[in-house]
C-alpha atoms as a PDB file:
ATOM      1  CA  MET A   1     -37.613 -81.116  14.442  1.00  0.00           C
ATOM      2  CA  TRP A   2     -38.324 -84.797  14.356  1.00  0.00           C
ATOM      3  CA  ASN A   3     -41.279 -86.818  13.535  1.00  0.00           C
ATOM      4  CA  PRO A   4     -41.149 -90.363  15.524  1.00  0.00           C
ATOM      5  CA  GLY A   5     -43.800 -91.448  13.467  1.00  0.00           C
ATOM      6  CA  THR A   6     -41.985 -91.441   9.998  1.00  0.00           C
ATOM      7  CA  LYS A   7     -38.810 -90.746  11.335  1.00  0.00           C
ATOM      8  CA  GLN A   8     -38.210 -87.559   9.440  1.00  0.00           C
ATOM      9  CA  ILE A   9     -35.994 -84.871  10.767  1.00  0.00           C
ATOM     10  CA  LYS A  10     -36.169 -81.421   9.354  1.00  0.00           C
ATOM     11  CA  ARG A  11     -33.029 -78.825  10.129  1.00  0.00           C
ATOM     12  CA  LEU A  12     -34.251 -75.530  11.301  1.00  0.00           C
ATOM     13  CA  PRO A  13     -32.803 -72.422  10.574  1.00  0.00           C
ATOM     14  CA  LEU A  14     -30.147 -70.396  13.179  1.00  0.00           C
ATOM     15  CA  PRO A  15     -32.558 -68.380  15.567  1.00  0.00           C
ATOM     16  CA  LEU A  16     -32.373 -64.517  15.086  1.00  0.00           C
ATOM     17  CA  ILE A  17     -31.844 -63.657  18.423  1.00  0.00           C
ATOM     18  CA  THR A  18     -28.095 -65.159  19.231  1.00  0.00           C
ATOM     19  CA  SER A  19     -25.283 -63.830  21.709  1.00  0.00           C
ATOM     20  CA  SER A  20     -22.598 -61.555  21.691  1.00  0.00           C
ATOM     21  CA  ARG A  21     -19.238 -60.225  23.598  1.00  0.00           C
ATOM     22  CA  ASP A  22     -21.566 -56.870  24.853  1.00  0.00           C
ATOM     23  CA  ASN A  23     -25.151 -58.662  25.134  1.00  0.00           C
ATOM     24  CA  PRO A  24     -24.726 -62.393  26.345  1.00  0.00           C
ATOM     25  CA  ILE A  25     -27.365 -64.589  26.434  1.00  0.00           C
ATOM     26  CA  TRP A  26     -28.084 -65.648  29.937  1.00  0.00           C
ATOM     27  CA  MET A  27     -30.609 -68.476  29.689  1.00  0.00           C
ATOM     28  CA  VAL A  28     -33.148 -69.338  27.271  1.00  0.00           C
ATOM     29  CA  PHE A  29     -36.198 -71.299  27.012  1.00  0.00           C
ATOM     30  CA  HIS A  30     -38.534 -73.443  24.843  1.00  0.00           C
ATOM     31  CA  GLY A  31     -41.831 -74.260  23.960  1.00  0.00           C
ATOM     32  CA  PHE A  32     -43.449 -76.203  20.834  1.00  0.00           C
ATOM     33  CA  GLY A  33     -46.876 -76.885  20.335  1.00  0.00           C
ATOM     34  CA  PHE A  34     -50.378 -76.891  17.573  1.00  0.00           C
ATOM     35  CA  ASP A  35     -51.739 -73.506  17.291  1.00  0.00           C
ATOM     36  CA  SER A  36     -55.008 -75.031  15.914  1.00  0.00           C
ATOM     37  CA  PHE A  37     -55.932 -71.798  15.107  1.00  0.00           C
ATOM     38  CA  ASN A  38     -53.815 -71.015  12.173  1.00  0.00           C
ATOM     39  CA  ASN A  39     -53.030 -74.668  11.658  1.00  0.00           C
ATOM     40  CA  ASP A  40     -49.653 -74.332  12.466  1.00  0.00           C
ATOM     41  CA  TYR A  41     -46.405 -76.200  14.415  1.00  0.00           C
ATOM     42  CA  LYS A  42     -45.054 -73.341  16.680  1.00  0.00           C
ATOM     43  CA  LEU A  43     -41.603 -73.383  18.434  1.00  0.00           C
ATOM     44  CA  VAL A  44     -41.433 -70.582  20.807  1.00  0.00           C
ATOM     45  CA  ARG A  45     -37.711 -69.489  21.943  1.00  0.00           C
ATOM     46  CA  ILE A  46     -37.738 -67.169  25.197  1.00  0.00           C
ATOM     47  CA  VAL A  47     -34.244 -65.782  25.660  1.00  0.00           C
ATOM     48  CA  SER A  48     -33.708 -63.809  28.470  1.00  0.00           C
ATOM     49  CA  PHE A  49     -30.693 -61.322  28.908  1.00  0.00           C
ATOM     50  CA  ARG A  50     -29.103 -60.800  32.507  1.00  0.00           C
ATOM     51  CA  GLY A  51     -29.784 -56.842  33.151  1.00  0.00           C
ATOM     52  CA  ASN A  52     -28.359 -54.051  35.401  1.00  0.00           C
ATOM     53  CA  ASP A  53     -31.709 -54.931  37.942  1.00  0.00           C
ATOM     54  CA  ALA A  54     -33.291 -57.663  39.065  1.00  0.00           C
ATOM     55  CA  SER A  55     -35.874 -58.090  36.138  1.00  0.00           C
ATOM     56  CA  PRO A  56     -33.447 -59.557  33.096  1.00  0.00           C
ATOM     57  CA  PHE A  57     -34.367 -58.849  29.948  1.00  0.00           C
ATOM     58  CA  LEU A  58     -36.076 -60.635  27.344  1.00  0.00           C
ATOM     59  CA  ARG A  59     -36.540 -61.080  23.418  1.00  0.00           C
ATOM     60  CA  VAL A  60     -39.191 -63.607  22.050  1.00  0.00           C
ATOM     61  CA  GLU A  61     -39.267 -65.194  19.025  1.00  0.00           C
ATOM     62  CA  VAL A  62     -41.440 -68.107  17.180  1.00  0.00           C
ATOM     63  CA  TYR A  63     -40.494 -70.706  14.649  1.00  0.00           C
ATOM     64  CA  SER A  64     -43.724 -71.073  12.664  1.00  0.00           C
ATOM     65  CA  LEU A  65     -43.905 -74.620  10.695  1.00  0.00           C
ATOM     66  CA  ARG A  66     -45.729 -73.757   7.537  1.00  0.00           C
ATOM     67  CA  GLU A  67     -44.108 -70.802   6.715  1.00  0.00           C
ATOM     68  CA  ALA A  68     -40.275 -72.351   8.001  1.00  0.00           C
ATOM     69  CA  VAL A  69     -38.900 -68.635   9.257  1.00  0.00           C
ATOM     70  CA  TRP A  70     -38.120 -67.572  12.517  1.00  0.00           C
ATOM     71  CA  LYS A  71     -39.833 -64.248  13.350  1.00  0.00           C
ATOM     72  CA  GLU A  72     -39.087 -61.788  16.375  1.00  0.00           C
ATOM     73  CA  ILE A  73     -42.218 -61.039  18.565  1.00  0.00           C
ATOM     74  CA  GLU A  74     -42.458 -57.292  20.802  1.00  0.00           C
ATOM     75  CA  GLU A  75     -44.678 -59.595  22.882  1.00  0.00           C
ATOM     76  CA  ARG A  76     -43.103 -59.091  26.281  1.00  0.00           C
ATOM     77  CA  PHE A  77     -44.212 -60.250  29.862  1.00  0.00           C
ATOM     78  CA  GLU A  78     -42.410 -58.357  33.191  1.00  0.00           C
ATOM     79  CA  LEU A  79     -43.789 -59.509  36.059  1.00  0.00           C
ATOM     80  CA  ALA A  80     -41.902 -63.194  36.150  1.00  0.00           C
ATOM     81  CA  LEU A  81     -38.656 -64.915  36.519  1.00  0.00           C
ATOM     82  CA  LEU A  82     -39.022 -68.006  34.247  1.00  0.00           C
ATOM     83  CA  CYS A  83     -37.653 -71.590  36.161  1.00  0.00           C
ATOM     84  CA  GLY A  84     -35.488 -72.892  34.905  1.00  0.00           C
ATOM     85  CA  GLY A  85     -35.306 -76.419  33.725  1.00  0.00           C
ATOM     86  CA  GLN A  86     -38.793 -76.819  32.204  1.00  0.00           C
ATOM     87  CA  ASP A  87     -40.009 -76.574  28.628  1.00  0.00           C
ATOM     88  CA  GLY A  88     -43.380 -75.037  27.860  1.00  0.00           C
ATOM     89  CA  VAL A  89     -46.484 -77.330  28.542  1.00  0.00           C
ATOM     90  CA  VAL A  90     -48.636 -77.209  25.862  1.00  0.00           C
ATOM     91  CA  VAL A  91     -52.259 -77.088  27.337  1.00  0.00           C
ATOM     92  CA  ASP A  92     -55.570 -75.943  25.277  1.00  0.00           C
ATOM     93  CA  GLY A  93     -53.490 -74.097  22.423  1.00  0.00           C
ATOM     94  CA  SER A  94     -51.303 -72.223  24.435  1.00  0.00           C
ATOM     95  CA  LEU A  95     -48.021 -73.160  26.367  1.00  0.00           C
ATOM     96  CA  ASN A  96     -46.788 -72.518  29.881  1.00  0.00           C
ATOM     97  CA  TRP A  97     -43.835 -72.514  31.837  1.00  0.00           C
ATOM     98  CA  ALA A  98     -43.861 -72.082  36.222  1.00  0.00           C
ATOM     99  CA  ALA A  99     -42.082 -68.741  36.662  1.00  0.00           C
ATOM    100  CA  ILE A 100     -41.311 -65.798  40.223  1.00  0.00           C
ATOM    101  CA  GLY A 101     -43.112 -63.573  40.365  1.00  0.00           C
ATOM    102  CA  LEU A 102     -41.793 -60.275  40.421  1.00  0.00           C
ATOM    103  CA  GLN A 103     -43.001 -56.848  41.715  1.00  0.00           C
ATOM    104  CA  GLY A 104     -46.944 -57.006  42.059  1.00  0.00           C
ATOM    105  CA  PHE A 105     -46.789 -60.431  41.939  1.00  0.00           C
ATOM    106  CA  ALA A 106     -43.518 -61.079  44.002  1.00  0.00           C
ATOM    107  CA  ASP A 107     -43.220 -63.517  47.250  1.00  0.00           C
ATOM    108  CA  ARG A 108     -45.330 -66.200  45.104  1.00  0.00           C
ATOM    109  CA  LYS A 109     -44.581 -68.390  41.909  1.00  0.00           C
ATOM    110  CA  VAL A 110     -46.937 -67.642  39.062  1.00  0.00           C
ATOM    111  CA  VAL A 111     -47.612 -69.341  35.390  1.00  0.00           C
ATOM    112  CA  VAL A 112     -46.708 -67.599  32.169  1.00  0.00           C
ATOM    113  CA  SER A 113     -49.030 -68.773  29.047  1.00  0.00           C
ATOM    114  CA  PHE A 114     -48.379 -68.049  25.503  1.00  0.00           C
ATOM    115  CA  ASP A 115     -51.080 -68.398  23.576  1.00  0.00           C
ATOM    116  CA  MET A 116     -49.815 -69.738  19.847  1.00  0.00           C
ATOM    117  CA  GLY A 117     -52.683 -68.500  17.520  1.00  0.00           C
ATOM    118  CA  ARG A 118     -52.634 -64.728  18.986  1.00  0.00           C
ATOM    119  CA  GLU A 119     -48.897 -64.929  19.947  1.00  0.00           C
ATOM    120  CA  VAL A 120     -49.616 -62.900  23.532  1.00  0.00           C
ATOM    121  CA  PHE A 121     -48.195 -63.543  26.491  1.00  0.00           C
ATOM    122  CA  LYS A 122     -50.493 -63.708  30.187  1.00  0.00           C
ATOM    123  CA  THR A 123     -49.315 -64.314  33.811  1.00  0.00           C
ATOM    124  CA  ILE A 124     -51.771 -66.564  36.337  1.00  0.00           C
ATOM    125  CA  PRO A 125     -51.266 -66.873  39.391  1.00  0.00           C
ATOM    126  CA  LEU A 126     -50.719 -69.703  41.365  1.00  0.00           C
ATOM    127  CA  PRO A 127     -52.117 -70.927  45.066  1.00  0.00           C
ATOM    128  CA  PRO A 128     -50.448 -69.160  47.453  1.00  0.00           C
ATOM    129  CA  VAL A 129     -48.473 -72.307  48.600  1.00  0.00           C
ATOM    130  CA  THR A 130     -46.632 -72.399  46.277  1.00  0.00           C
ATOM    131  CA  ARG A 131     -44.223 -70.232  47.627  1.00  0.00           C
ATOM    132  CA  TYR A 132     -42.538 -72.932  49.716  1.00  0.00           C
ATOM    133  CA  GLY A 133     -41.778 -75.852  48.139  1.00  0.00           C
ATOM    134  CA  ASN A 134     -41.283 -76.676  43.817  1.00  0.00           C
ATOM    135  CA  VAL A 135     -43.691 -76.304  40.944  1.00  0.00           C
ATOM    136  CA  LYS A 136     -43.970 -78.630  37.931  1.00  0.00           C
ATOM    137  CA  VAL A 137     -46.380 -77.444  35.273  1.00  0.00           C
ATOM    138  CA  VAL A 138     -48.935 -79.918  33.358  1.00  0.00           C
ATOM    139  CA  SER A 139     -51.565 -80.822  31.619  1.00  0.00           C
ATOM    140  CA  TYR A 140     -54.795 -82.582  33.157  1.00  0.00           C
ATOM    141  CA  MET A 141     -57.386 -84.052  31.274  1.00  0.00           C
ATOM    142  CA  GLY A 142     -56.557 -81.066  29.362  1.00  0.00           C
ATOM    143  CA  LEU A 143     -56.647 -78.559  31.800  1.00  0.00           C
ATOM    144  CA  LEU A 144     -53.712 -76.782  33.275  1.00  0.00           C
ATOM    145  CA  ALA A 145     -52.673 -78.544  36.198  1.00  0.00           C
ATOM    146  CA  VAL A 146     -49.032 -77.918  38.976  1.00  0.00           C
ATOM    147  CA  ALA A 147     -47.555 -80.252  41.037  1.00  0.00           C
ATOM    148  CA  VAL A 148     -46.130 -78.577  44.220  1.00  0.00           C
ATOM    149  CA  TYR A 149     -43.735 -80.527  45.895  1.00  0.00           C
ATOM    150  CA  PRO A 150     -40.578 -80.151  48.242  1.00  0.00           C
ATOM    151  CA  LEU A 151     -37.544 -78.261  48.116  1.00  0.00           C
ATOM    152  CA  VAL A 152     -34.436 -80.774  48.467  1.00  0.00           C
ATOM    153  CA  PHE A 153     -32.664 -77.576  50.321  1.00  0.00           C
ATOM    154  CA  ALA A 154     -34.947 -74.445  51.844  1.00  0.00           C
ATOM    155  CA  ALA A 155     -32.450 -71.166  52.417  1.00  0.00           C
ATOM    156  CA  ASN A 156     -34.821 -69.782  55.314  1.00  0.00           C
ATOM    157  CA  GLY A 157     -35.997 -72.956  56.026  1.00  0.00           C
ATOM    158  CA  ASN A 158     -39.511 -72.420  55.411  1.00  0.00           C
ATOM    159  CA  ASN A 159     -40.017 -75.550  52.903  1.00  0.00           C
ATOM    160  CA  MET A 160     -42.904 -77.885  53.186  1.00  0.00           C
ATOM    161  CA  ASN A 161     -42.967 -81.746  53.518  1.00  0.00           C
ATOM    162  CA  ARG A 162     -45.686 -82.685  51.510  1.00  0.00           C
ATOM    163  CA  PHE A 163     -46.776 -82.992  48.095  1.00  0.00           C
ATOM    164  CA  GLU A 164     -50.222 -81.143  46.566  1.00  0.00           C
ATOM    165  CA  PHE A 165     -52.229 -81.457  43.132  1.00  0.00           C
ATOM    166  CA  TRP A 166     -54.058 -78.243  41.750  1.00  0.00           C
ATOM    167  CA  VAL A 167     -55.736 -77.946  38.598  1.00  0.00           C
ATOM    168  CA  GLN A 168     -57.660 -74.883  37.111  1.00  0.00           C
ATOM    169  CA  SER A 169     -60.868 -75.313  36.068  1.00  0.00           C
ATOM    170  CA  ASP A 170     -63.963 -73.072  34.662  1.00  0.00           C
ATOM    171  CA  CYS A 171     -66.150 -72.115  36.781  1.00  0.00           C
ATOM    172  CA  GLU A 172     -69.908 -71.552  37.125  1.00  0.00           C
ATOM    173  CA  ASP A 173     -69.650 -67.817  36.877  1.00  0.00           C
ATOM    174  CA  GLY A 174     -66.852 -67.760  33.958  1.00  0.00           C
ATOM    175  CA  MET A 175     -64.105 -67.726  36.001  1.00  0.00           C
ATOM    176  CA  LYS A 176     -61.329 -70.113  36.079  1.00  0.00           C
ATOM    177  CA  ARG A 177     -59.884 -70.973  40.018  1.00  0.00           C
ATOM    178  CA  TRP A 178     -57.416 -73.735  41.312  1.00  0.00           C
ATOM    179  CA  SER A 179     -58.537 -76.596  42.858  1.00  0.00           C
ATOM    180  CA  ASN A 180     -56.901 -78.754  45.356  1.00  0.00           C
ATOM    181  CA  MET A 181     -57.194 -82.464  44.117  1.00  0.00           C
ATOM    182  CA  VAL A 182     -54.265 -84.185  46.486  1.00  0.00           C
ATOM    183  CA  VAL A 183     -52.368 -83.225  49.200  1.00  0.00           C
ATOM    184  CA  VAL A 184     -49.741 -86.220  50.777  1.00  0.00           C
ATOM    185  CA  GLU A 185     -48.935 -85.078  54.125  1.00  0.00           C
ATOM    186  CA  ASN A 186     -44.941 -86.203  54.594  1.00  0.00           C
ATOM    187  CA  PHE A 187     -43.669 -86.504  51.370  1.00  0.00           C
ATOM    188  CA  SER A 188     -40.375 -87.794  50.273  1.00  0.00           C
ATOM    189  CA  LYS A 189     -37.786 -85.618  48.658  1.00  0.00           C
ATOM    190  CA  SER A 190     -36.847 -88.100  46.932  1.00  0.00           C
ATOM    191  CA  LEU A 191     -39.584 -88.267  44.166  1.00  0.00           C
ATOM    192  CA  VAL A 192     -40.114 -85.344  41.709  1.00  0.00           C
ATOM    193  CA  PRO A 193     -43.301 -85.365  39.079  1.00  0.00           C
ATOM    194  CA  VAL A 194     -41.747 -85.812  35.699  1.00  0.00           C
ATOM    195  CA  GLY A 195     -45.321 -85.081  33.960  1.00  0.00           C
ATOM    196  CA  THR A 196     -48.527 -87.253  33.250  1.00  0.00           C
ATOM    197  CA  TRP A 197     -49.274 -90.143  31.351  1.00  0.00           C
ATOM    198  CA  GLY A 198     -52.719 -90.225  29.090  1.00  0.00           C
ATOM    199  CA  ASP A 199     -52.934 -86.723  30.161  1.00  0.00           C
ATOM    200  CA  ARG A 200     -54.984 -88.714  33.781  1.00  0.00           C
ATOM    201  CA  GLU A 201     -52.239 -89.903  36.025  1.00  0.00           C
ATOM    202  CA  LEU A 202     -48.917 -88.558  37.263  1.00  0.00           C
ATOM    203  CA  VAL A 203     -45.880 -89.548  36.579  1.00  0.00           C
ATOM    204  CA  PHE A 204     -42.659 -89.649  39.235  1.00  0.00           C
ATOM    205  CA  LYS A 205     -39.230 -90.417  38.963  1.00  0.00           C
ATOM    206  CA  HIS A 206     -37.189 -91.218  41.904  1.00  0.00           C
ATOM    207  CA  VAL A 207     -33.846 -89.197  42.887  1.00  0.00           C
ATOM    208  CA  GLY A 208     -30.814 -89.846  44.557  1.00  0.00           C
ATOM    209  CA  VAL A 209     -30.053 -93.444  46.427  1.00  0.00           C
ATOM    210  CA  ARG A 210     -32.832 -95.926  46.308  1.00  0.00           C
ATOM    211  CA  ASP A 211     -34.056 -99.898  46.503  1.00  0.00           C
ATOM    212  CA  ARG A 212     -33.324-101.036  43.039  1.00  0.00           C
ATOM    213  CA  GLU A 213     -35.048-104.346  44.111  1.00  0.00           C
ATOM    214  CA  ASN A 214     -38.095-102.020  45.185  1.00  0.00           C
ATOM    215  CA  GLN A 215     -38.432 -99.194  44.162  1.00  0.00           C
ATOM    216  CA  SER A 216     -39.007 -98.710  40.400  1.00  0.00           C
ATOM    217  CA  SER A 217     -37.206 -95.254  38.667  1.00  0.00           C
ATOM    218  CA  LEU A 218     -40.919 -94.068  37.467  1.00  0.00           C
ATOM    219  CA  PHE A 219     -44.209 -94.839  38.436  1.00  0.00           C
ATOM    220  CA  LEU A 220     -47.253 -93.944  38.255  1.00  0.00           C
ATOM    221  CA  PHE A 221     -49.918 -91.718  40.499  1.00  0.00           C
ATOM    222  CA  ASP A 222     -53.722 -91.250  40.102  1.00  0.00           C
ATOM    223  CA  PRO A 223     -54.862 -88.314  41.979  1.00  0.00           C
ATOM    224  CA  VAL A 224     -58.613 -89.784  41.852  1.00  0.00           C
ATOM    225  CA  ASP A 225     -58.370 -92.561  43.690  1.00  0.00           C
ATOM    226  CA  HIS A 226     -54.517 -92.536  45.089  1.00  0.00           C
ATOM    227  CA  THR A 227     -53.659 -95.713  43.494  1.00  0.00           C
ATOM    228  CA  THR A 228     -50.154 -95.997  42.597  1.00  0.00           C
ATOM    229  CA  LYS A 229     -49.025 -98.335  39.520  1.00  0.00           C
ATOM    230  CA  ARG A 230     -45.025 -99.629  38.906  1.00  0.00           C
ATOM    231  CA  LEU A 231     -44.059 -98.493  35.161  1.00  0.00           C
ATOM    232  CA  PRO A 232     -41.613-102.355  33.609  1.00  0.00           C
ATOM    233  CA  VAL A 233     -39.124 -99.505  33.138  1.00  0.00           C
ATOM    234  CA  ASP A 234     -35.757 -98.918  34.968  1.00  0.00           C
ATOM    235  CA  PHE A 235     -32.738 -96.160  34.257  1.00  0.00           C
ATOM    236  CA  VAL A 236     -29.623 -95.259  35.665  1.00  0.00           C
ATOM    237  CA  ASP A 237     -30.212 -92.448  37.907  1.00  0.00           C
ATOM    238  CA  ILE A 238     -29.398 -89.530  34.566  1.00  0.00           C
ATOM    239  CA  CYS A 239     -30.613 -86.547  33.978  1.00  0.00           C
ATOM    240  CA  PHE A 240     -34.511 -87.946  32.423  1.00  0.00           C
ATOM    241  CA  GLN A 241     -37.632 -85.259  30.958  1.00  0.00           C
ATOM    242  CA  GLY A 242     -40.932 -86.495  30.071  1.00  0.00           C
ATOM    243  CA  PHE A 243     -42.482 -85.820  26.956  1.00  0.00           C
ATOM    244  CA  SER A 244     -46.618 -86.495  26.244  1.00  0.00           C
ATOM    245  CA  TYR A 245     -46.495 -87.956  22.452  1.00  0.00           C
ATOM    246  CA  VAL A 246     -49.314 -88.947  20.592  1.00  0.00           C
ATOM    247  CA  GLU A 247     -47.991 -90.681  16.809  1.00  0.00           C
ATOM    248  CA  SER A 248     -48.667 -88.649  14.025  1.00  0.00           C
ATOM    249  CA  LEU A 249     -47.904 -88.459  10.419  1.00  0.00           C
ATOM    250  CA  VAL A 250     -47.577 -85.256  10.061  1.00  0.00           C
ATOM    251  CA  SER A 251     -44.240 -84.287   7.491  1.00  0.00           C
ATOM    252  CA  CYS A 252     -41.825 -82.307   8.681  1.00  0.00           C
ATOM    253  CA  ASP A 253     -42.237 -80.952   4.788  1.00  0.00           C
ATOM    254  CA  THR A 254     -38.013 -80.517   3.328  1.00  0.00           C
ATOM    255  CA  THR A 255     -36.819 -83.651   5.395  1.00  0.00           C
ATOM    256  CA  ARG A 256     -35.411 -86.499   4.945  1.00  0.00           C
ATOM    257  CA  GLU A 257     -35.678 -90.176   6.072  1.00  0.00           C
ATOM    258  CA  LEU A 258     -33.056 -91.505   8.029  1.00  0.00           C
ATOM    259  CA  PRO A 259     -31.648 -94.634   6.600  1.00  0.00           C
ATOM    260  CA  THR A 260     -32.062 -97.769   8.749  1.00  0.00           C
ATOM    261  CA  SER A 261     -28.955 -98.507   8.967  1.00  0.00           C
ATOM    262  CA  ASP A 262     -28.147 -95.435  10.496  1.00  0.00           C
ATOM    263  CA  PRO A 263     -26.554 -96.374  13.992  1.00  0.00           C
ATOM    264  CA  PHE A 264     -27.827 -93.471  15.850  1.00  0.00           C
ATOM    265  CA  ASP A 265     -31.478 -93.800  13.701  1.00  0.00           C
ATOM    266  CA  PHE A 266     -33.389 -91.752  16.700  1.00  0.00           C
ATOM    267  CA  ASP A 267     -34.196 -94.705  18.281  1.00  0.00           C
ATOM    268  CA  PRO A 268     -35.172 -94.139  21.582  1.00  0.00           C
ATOM    269  CA  LEU A 269     -34.743 -97.382  23.599  1.00  0.00           C
ATOM    270  CA  ALA A 270     -30.895 -97.556  21.188  1.00  0.00           C
ATOM    271  CA  VAL A 271     -30.266 -93.805  22.404  1.00  0.00           C
ATOM    272  CA  GLN A 272     -30.960 -95.316  25.809  1.00  0.00           C
ATOM    273  CA  SER A 273     -28.634 -98.065  25.572  1.00  0.00           C
ATOM    274  CA  MET A 274     -26.002 -96.274  23.918  1.00  0.00           C
ATOM    275  CA  PHE A 275     -25.861 -93.711  27.269  1.00  0.00           C
ATOM    276  CA  ILE A 276     -26.367 -96.289  30.065  1.00  0.00           C
ATOM    277  CA  ALA A 277     -23.648 -98.528  28.138  1.00  0.00           C
ATOM    278  CA  ALA A 278     -20.947 -95.351  28.233  1.00  0.00           C
ATOM    279  CA  TYR A 279     -22.504 -94.160  31.465  1.00  0.00           C
ATOM    280  CA  ARG A 280     -21.217 -97.654  33.178  1.00  0.00           C
ATOM    281  CA  ASN A 281     -18.149 -97.394  31.424  1.00  0.00           C
ATOM    282  CA  VAL A 282     -16.831 -93.786  31.439  1.00  0.00           C
ATOM    283  CA  GLY A 283     -19.049 -92.408  34.190  1.00  0.00           C
ATOM    284  CA  TYR A 284     -21.690 -89.528  33.347  1.00  0.00           C
ATOM    285  CA  SER A 285     -19.690 -86.406  32.183  1.00  0.00           C
ATOM    286  CA  ALA A 286     -17.815 -89.118  29.393  1.00  0.00           C
ATOM    287  CA  ALA A 287     -21.307 -90.548  28.729  1.00  0.00           C
ATOM    288  CA  LEU A 288     -23.122 -87.467  27.705  1.00  0.00           C
ATOM    289  CA  SER A 289     -20.007 -86.246  25.796  1.00  0.00           C
ATOM    290  CA  ILE A 290     -19.885 -89.007  23.345  1.00  0.00           C
ATOM    291  CA  LEU A 291     -23.664 -89.218  23.278  1.00  0.00           C
ATOM    292  CA  ARG A 292     -24.117 -85.042  22.374  1.00  0.00           C
ATOM    293  CA  ALA A 293     -20.799 -86.407  19.828  1.00  0.00           C
ATOM    294  CA  GLY A 294     -22.703 -88.604  17.736  1.00  0.00           C
ATOM    295  CA  ALA A 295     -25.841 -86.354  17.514  1.00  0.00           C
ATOM    296  CA  ALA A 296     -24.123 -83.303  16.881  1.00  0.00           C
ATOM    297  CA  SER A 297     -21.553 -85.322  13.616  1.00  0.00           C
ATOM    298  CA  GLU A 298     -25.176 -84.796  11.875  1.00  0.00           C
ATOM    299  CA  PHE A 299     -28.431 -83.868  13.664  1.00  0.00           C
ATOM    300  CA  HIS A 300     -28.704 -81.010  16.875  1.00  0.00           C
ATOM    301  CA  PHE A 301     -29.076 -83.164  19.830  1.00  0.00           C
ATOM    302  CA  SER A 302     -32.546 -81.038  20.922  1.00  0.00           C
ATOM    303  CA  LEU A 303     -35.575 -82.331  18.854  1.00  0.00           C
ATOM    304  CA  PHE A 304     -38.705 -81.136  19.053  1.00  0.00           C
ATOM    305  CA  ILE A 305     -41.533 -83.753  18.664  1.00  0.00           C
ATOM    306  CA  LEU A 306     -44.308 -83.322  16.328  1.00  0.00           C
ATOM    307  CA  THR A 307     -47.728 -84.500  17.844  1.00  0.00           C
END
């Protein structure tokens, strides 16, 4: 666990749920956020084991920063299969993941939501259009929202060619309903939403071949007035994930400050520069190995940020 504001880290104890030869882990999903009800930061780890049928067997554990321990919880969700490659998104005290519905929710996508205060799951159905595209869960002005965008490949040919942005809000009858804010027809498959900027603008990245003179790696899109803005940041085309960050002086408790002379000082720009230099000289796979080796020498490569 890392707090960029204080340059402190905390090495977490090993999780309780592990893989074995007889019961190997299939996929692992994480989510990290603040539990305002208990005044605690929590890391949620959802571990999926491949079962004998279409539904994987799940186990869930939660790390509490205040108590400094992992605990496995009995709470489960059984009607959804989490989509790979996405960490939980914090919205109003809950962590949220995009998922594929099973059984009663079959042939549609859902959001699996974990209430960090009560430590319970619930399944939120998504608009029907989500079955035809990729789904990115985001927070928008404190509300749960999803960006729906074209699939790169569609096995059955049912692929949407547009971008849609849906926001869940409270209605007068006390129910929550999805509202469609944006529809962009003939949307490019090379544009992928990665999150929100200031909880108000969508952040997109270009994937694949692009015109570096006229196309930025990242740009912003305002769902209200449909304006775009290029971000003055450029990357080589590597794996990239965005996080919402608000500077905080919250202590990681049993942490130590990184020495300023440490060459791997967890400065994101330094890490980015090191990776790009290695990428240009030895290629992606070797560069990633170098970066991981540098991190693994003393610290965990996966970091969860205190905000």
